[in-house]
Amino acid sequence: MQQDNAVRVYLVESHPKNRGRSGEFEGVGAHLFAIAVKEAKERGFDAVYFTPKNSY
């Protein structure tokens, strides 16, 4: 989960029910990103890399 003094998230995905503002739970994706940033800071890193499941 670490490379080049950064936290890397290998799969970024959200359940269809939680996408957009009309989802069942709002802010799920943003919350997961915040957890990754918090983990990076706790490890003394300044970067987080995300790899999406799909490219658009």
PDB file of N, CA and C in Angstrom:
ATOM      1  N   MET A   1       0.822  -1.199   0.000  1.00  0.00           N
ATOM      2  CA  MET A   1       0.000   0.000   0.000  1.00  0.00           C
ATOM      3  C   MET A   1       0.859   1.254   0.000  1.00  0.00           C
ATOM      4  N   GLN A   2       2.144   1.137  -0.063  1.00  0.00           N
ATOM      5  CA  GLN A   2       2.959   2.346  -0.099  1.00  0.00           C
ATOM      6  C   GLN A   2       3.962   2.264  -1.238  1.00  0.00           C
ATOM      7  N   GLN A   3       4.216   3.371  -1.850  1.00  0.00           N
ATOM      8  CA  GLN A   3       5.187   3.473  -2.936  1.00  0.00           C
ATOM      9  C   GLN A   3       5.622   4.922  -3.006  1.00  0.00           C
ATOM     10  N   ASP A   4       6.928   5.133  -3.119  1.00  0.00           N
ATOM     11  CA  ASP A   4       7.448   6.493  -3.233  1.00  0.00           C
ATOM     12  C   ASP A   4       6.958   7.405  -2.109  1.00  0.00           C
ATOM     13  N   ASN A   5       6.971   6.890  -0.889  1.00  0.00           N
ATOM     14  CA  ASN A   5       6.519   7.667   0.273  1.00  0.00           C
ATOM     15  C   ASN A   5       5.107   8.196   0.093  1.00  0.00           C
ATOM     16  N   ALA A   6       4.223   7.338  -0.343  1.00  0.00           N
ATOM     17  CA  ALA A   6       2.826   7.700  -0.544  1.00  0.00           C
ATOM     18  C   ALA A   6       1.943   6.488  -0.262  1.00  0.00           C
ATOM     19  N   VAL A   7       0.698   6.730   0.010  1.00  0.00           N
ATOM     20  CA  VAL A   7      -0.289   5.668   0.128  1.00  0.00           C
ATOM     21  C   VAL A   7      -0.927   5.505  -1.244  1.00  0.00           C
ATOM     22  N   ARG A   8      -1.034   4.263  -1.693  1.00  0.00           N
ATOM     23  CA  ARG A   8      -1.659   3.984  -2.987  1.00  0.00           C
ATOM     24  C   ARG A   8      -2.929   3.182  -2.756  1.00  0.00           C
ATOM     25  N   VAL A   9      -4.025   3.662  -3.308  1.00  0.00           N
ATOM     26  CA  VAL A   9      -5.304   2.966  -3.261  1.00  0.00           C
ATOM     27  C   VAL A   9      -5.484   2.329  -4.632  1.00  0.00           C
ATOM     28  N   TYR A  10      -5.522   0.991  -4.671  1.00  0.00           N
ATOM     29  CA  TYR A  10      -5.503   0.282  -5.940  1.00  0.00           C
ATOM     30  C   TYR A  10      -6.861   0.158  -6.614  1.00  0.00           C
ATOM     31  N   LEU A  11      -7.916   0.263  -5.883  1.00  0.00           N
ATOM     32  CA  LEU A  11      -9.226   0.113  -6.498  1.00  0.00           C
ATOM     33  C   LEU A  11     -10.160   1.161  -5.914  1.00  0.00           C
ATOM     34  N   VAL A  12     -10.659   2.018  -6.754  1.00  0.00           N
ATOM     35  CA  VAL A  12     -11.604   3.045  -6.339  1.00  0.00           C
ATOM     36  C   VAL A  12     -12.929   2.727  -7.004  1.00  0.00           C
ATOM     37  N   GLU A  13     -13.929   2.457  -6.196  1.00  0.00           N
ATOM     38  CA  GLU A  13     -15.209   2.038  -6.738  1.00  0.00           C
ATOM     39  C   GLU A  13     -16.301   2.408  -5.745  1.00  0.00           C
ATOM     40  N   SER A  14     -17.461   2.712  -6.252  1.00  0.00           N
ATOM     41  CA  SER A  14     -18.598   3.028  -5.404  1.00  0.00           C
ATOM     42  C   SER A  14     -19.800   2.223  -5.879  1.00  0.00           C
ATOM     43  N   HIS A  15     -20.574   1.748  -4.957  1.00  0.00           N
ATOM     44  CA  HIS A  15     -21.785   1.005  -5.304  1.00  0.00           C
ATOM     45  C   HIS A  15     -22.749   1.955  -6.011  1.00  0.00           C
ATOM     46  N   PRO A  16     -23.448   1.488  -7.041  1.00  0.00           N
ATOM     47  CA  PRO A  16     -24.378   2.374  -7.762  1.00  0.00           C
ATOM     48  C   PRO A  16     -25.389   3.087  -6.867  1.00  0.00           C
ATOM     49  N   LYS A  17     -25.789   2.450  -5.755  1.00  0.00           N
ATOM     50  CA  LYS A  17     -26.747   3.098  -4.845  1.00  0.00           C
ATOM     51  C   LYS A  17     -26.168   4.337  -4.181  1.00  0.00           C
ATOM     52  N   ASN A  18     -24.850   4.462  -4.167  1.00  0.00           N
ATOM     53  CA  ASN A  18     -24.217   5.556  -3.446  1.00  0.00           C
ATOM     54  C   ASN A  18     -23.584   6.580  -4.366  1.00  0.00           C
ATOM     55  N   ARG A  19     -23.895   6.552  -5.635  1.00  0.00           N
ATOM     56  CA  ARG A  19     -23.315   7.504  -6.581  1.00  0.00           C
ATOM     57  C   ARG A  19     -24.211   8.738  -6.703  1.00  0.00           C
ATOM     58  N   GLY A  20     -23.578   9.886  -6.788  1.00  0.00           N
ATOM     59  CA  GLY A  20     -24.330  11.131  -6.973  1.00  0.00           C
ATOM     60  C   GLY A  20     -25.013  11.594  -5.703  1.00  0.00           C
ATOM     61  N   ARG A  21     -25.727  12.682  -5.827  1.00  0.00           N
ATOM     62  CA  ARG A  21     -26.397  13.271  -4.660  1.00  0.00           C
ATOM     63  C   ARG A  21     -27.698  12.564  -4.307  1.00  0.00           C
ATOM     64  N   SER A  22     -28.214  11.751  -5.217  1.00  0.00           N
ATOM     65  CA  SER A  22     -29.470  11.065  -4.936  1.00  0.00           C
ATOM     66  C   SER A  22     -29.241   9.655  -4.406  1.00  0.00           C
ATOM     67  N   GLY A  23     -28.006   9.342  -4.039  1.00  0.00           N
ATOM     68  CA  GLY A  23     -27.675   8.012  -3.539  1.00  0.00           C
ATOM     69  C   GLY A  23     -28.249   7.759  -2.165  1.00  0.00           C
ATOM     70  N   GLU A  24     -28.219   6.502  -1.786  1.00  0.00           N
ATOM     71  CA  GLU A  24     -28.741   6.114  -0.476  1.00  0.00           C
ATOM     72  C   GLU A  24     -27.926   6.763   0.650  1.00  0.00           C
ATOM     73  N   PHE A  25     -26.609   6.777   0.484  1.00  0.00           N
ATOM     74  CA  PHE A  25     -25.725   7.418   1.444  1.00  0.00           C
ATOM     75  C   PHE A  25     -24.909   8.457   0.698  1.00  0.00           C
ATOM     76  N   GLU A  26     -24.915   9.684   1.150  1.00  0.00           N
ATOM     77  CA  GLU A  26     -24.205  10.764   0.474  1.00  0.00           C
ATOM     78  C   GLU A  26     -22.783  10.886   1.017  1.00  0.00           C
ATOM     79  N   GLY A  27     -21.811  11.076   0.122  1.00  0.00           N
ATOM     80  CA  GLY A  27     -20.440  11.342   0.530  1.00  0.00           C
ATOM     81  C   GLY A  27     -19.588  10.125   0.827  1.00  0.00           C
ATOM     82  N   VAL A  28     -20.015   8.947   0.389  1.00  0.00           N
ATOM     83  CA  VAL A  28     -19.261   7.726   0.671  1.00  0.00           C
ATOM     84  C   VAL A  28     -17.879   7.790   0.038  1.00  0.00           C
ATOM     85  N   GLY A  29     -17.804   8.148  -1.237  1.00  0.00           N
ATOM     86  CA  GLY A  29     -16.518   8.217  -1.926  1.00  0.00           C
ATOM     87  C   GLY A  29     -15.578   9.228  -1.296  1.00  0.00           C
ATOM     88  N   ALA A  30     -16.089  10.394  -0.992  1.00  0.00           N
ATOM     89  CA  ALA A  30     -15.262  11.435  -0.365  1.00  0.00           C
ATOM     90  C   ALA A  30     -14.746  10.976   0.994  1.00  0.00           C
ATOM     91  N   HIS A  31     -15.568  10.258   1.731  1.00  0.00           N
ATOM     92  CA  HIS A  31     -15.151   9.763   3.040  1.00  0.00           C
ATOM     93  C   HIS A  31     -14.008   8.752   2.897  1.00  0.00           C
ATOM     94  N   LEU A  32     -14.109   7.865   1.903  1.00  0.00           N
ATOM     95  CA  LEU A  32     -13.049   6.880   1.686  1.00  0.00           C
ATOM     96  C   LEU A  32     -11.742   7.560   1.291  1.00  0.00           C
ATOM     97  N   PHE A  33     -11.820   8.594   0.465  1.00  0.00           N
ATOM     98  CA  PHE A  33     -10.617   9.348   0.093  1.00  0.00           C
ATOM     99  C   PHE A  33     -10.021  10.025   1.331  1.00  0.00           C
ATOM    100  N   ALA A  34     -10.864  10.552   2.192  1.00  0.00           N
ATOM    101  CA  ALA A  34     -10.385  11.207   3.408  1.00  0.00           C
ATOM    102  C   ALA A  34      -9.649  10.217   4.311  1.00  0.00           C
ATOM    103  N   ILE A  35     -10.128   8.989   4.381  1.00  0.00           N
ATOM    104  CA  ILE A  35      -9.450   7.964   5.179  1.00  0.00           C
ATOM    105  C   ILE A  35      -8.062   7.691   4.612  1.00  0.00           C
ATOM    106  N   ALA A  36      -7.943   7.616   3.286  1.00  0.00           N
ATOM    107  CA  ALA A  36      -6.637   7.384   2.660  1.00  0.00           C
ATOM    108  C   ALA A  36      -5.678   8.539   2.944  1.00  0.00           C
ATOM    109  N   VAL A  37      -6.168   9.765   2.885  1.00  0.00           N
ATOM    110  CA  VAL A  37      -5.328  10.933   3.171  1.00  0.00           C
ATOM    111  C   VAL A  37      -4.896  10.923   4.637  1.00  0.00           C
ATOM    112  N   LYS A  38      -5.815  10.594   5.535  1.00  0.00           N
ATOM    113  CA  LYS A  38      -5.483  10.514   6.960  1.00  0.00           C
ATOM    114  C   LYS A  38      -4.398   9.464   7.191  1.00  0.00           C
ATOM    115  N   GLU A  39      -4.521   8.308   6.560  1.00  0.00           N
ATOM    116  CA  GLU A  39      -3.517   7.251   6.691  1.00  0.00           C
ATOM    117  C   GLU A  39      -2.156   7.722   6.192  1.00  0.00           C
ATOM    118  N   ALA A  40      -2.149   8.425   5.067  1.00  0.00           N
ATOM    119  CA  ALA A  40      -0.890   8.948   4.523  1.00  0.00           C
ATOM    120  C   ALA A  40      -0.239   9.910   5.507  1.00  0.00           C
ATOM    121  N   LYS A  41      -1.016  10.814   6.056  1.00  0.00           N
ATOM    122  CA  LYS A  41      -0.477  11.790   7.019  1.00  0.00           C
ATOM    123  C   LYS A  41       0.070  11.100   8.261  1.00  0.00           C
ATOM    124  N   GLU A  42      -0.644  10.081   8.746  1.00  0.00           N
ATOM    125  CA  GLU A  42      -0.188   9.351   9.928  1.00  0.00           C
ATOM    126  C   GLU A  42       1.133   8.637   9.669  1.00  0.00           C
ATOM    127  N   ARG A  43       1.380   8.237   8.431  1.00  0.00           N
ATOM    128  CA  ARG A  43       2.633   7.570   8.066  1.00  0.00           C
ATOM    129  C   ARG A  43       3.728   8.573   7.697  1.00  0.00           C
ATOM    130  N   GLY A  44       3.384   9.860   7.698  1.00  0.00           N
ATOM    131  CA  GLY A  44       4.367  10.892   7.378  1.00  0.00           C
ATOM    132  C   GLY A  44       4.512  11.147   5.890  1.00  0.00           C
ATOM    133  N   PHE A  45       3.537  10.714   5.106  1.00  0.00           N
ATOM    134  CA  PHE A  45       3.573  10.903   3.657  1.00  0.00           C
ATOM    135  C   PHE A  45       2.788  12.149   3.267  1.00  0.00           C
ATOM    136  N   ASP A  46       3.133  12.692   2.107  1.00  0.00           N
ATOM    137  CA  ASP A  46       2.433  13.868   1.591  1.00  0.00           C
ATOM    138  C   ASP A  46       1.624  13.569   0.342  1.00  0.00           C
ATOM    139  N   ALA A  47       1.524  12.304  -0.048  1.00  0.00           N
ATOM    140  CA  ALA A  47       0.841  11.994  -1.304  1.00  0.00           C
ATOM    141  C   ALA A  47      -0.018  10.743  -1.164  1.00  0.00           C
ATOM    142  N   VAL A  48      -1.096  10.729  -1.945  1.00  0.00           N
ATOM    143  CA  VAL A  48      -1.973   9.567  -2.076  1.00  0.00           C
ATOM    144  C   VAL A  48      -2.185   9.352  -3.565  1.00  0.00           C
ATOM    145  N   TYR A  49      -1.982   8.124  -4.023  1.00  0.00           N
ATOM    146  CA  TYR A  49      -2.229   7.769  -5.424  1.00  0.00           C
ATOM    147  C   TYR A  49      -3.459   6.894  -5.495  1.00  0.00           C
ATOM    148  N   PHE A  50      -4.338   7.191  -6.428  1.00  0.00           N
ATOM    149  CA  PHE A  50      -5.535   6.397  -6.629  1.00  0.00           C
ATOM    150  C   PHE A  50      -5.506   5.769  -8.011  1.00  0.00           C
ATOM    151  N   THR A  51      -5.869   4.516  -8.091  1.00  0.00           N
ATOM    152  CA  THR A  51      -5.989   3.827  -9.370  1.00  0.00           C
ATOM    153  C   THR A  51      -7.467   3.467  -9.541  1.00  0.00           C
ATOM    154  N   PRO A  52      -8.147   4.049 -10.516  1.00  0.00           N
ATOM    155  CA  PRO A  52      -9.563   3.750 -10.708  1.00  0.00           C
ATOM    156  C   PRO A  52      -9.766   2.358 -11.282  1.00  0.00           C
ATOM    157  N   LYS A  53     -10.912   1.791 -11.028  1.00  0.00           N
ATOM    158  CA  LYS A  53     -11.250   0.485 -11.578  1.00  0.00           C
ATOM    159  C   LYS A  53     -11.412   0.579 -13.089  1.00  0.00           C
ATOM    160  N   ASN A  54     -12.049   1.636 -13.541  1.00  0.00           N
ATOM    161  CA  ASN A  54     -12.298   1.862 -14.971  1.00  0.00           C
ATOM    162  C   ASN A  54     -11.692   3.188 -15.382  1.00  0.00           C
ATOM    163  N   SER A  55     -11.306   3.292 -16.625  1.00  0.00           N
ATOM    164  CA  SER A  55     -10.877   4.596 -17.136  1.00  0.00           C
ATOM    165  C   SER A  55     -11.985   5.131 -18.032  1.00  0.00           C
ATOM    166  N   TYR A  56     -12.223   6.408 -17.967  1.00  0.00           N
ATOM    167  CA  TYR A  56     -13.312   7.009 -18.752  1.00  0.00           C
ATOM    168  C   TYR A  56     -12.768   7.876 -19.834  1.00  0.00           C
TER     169      TYR A  56
END
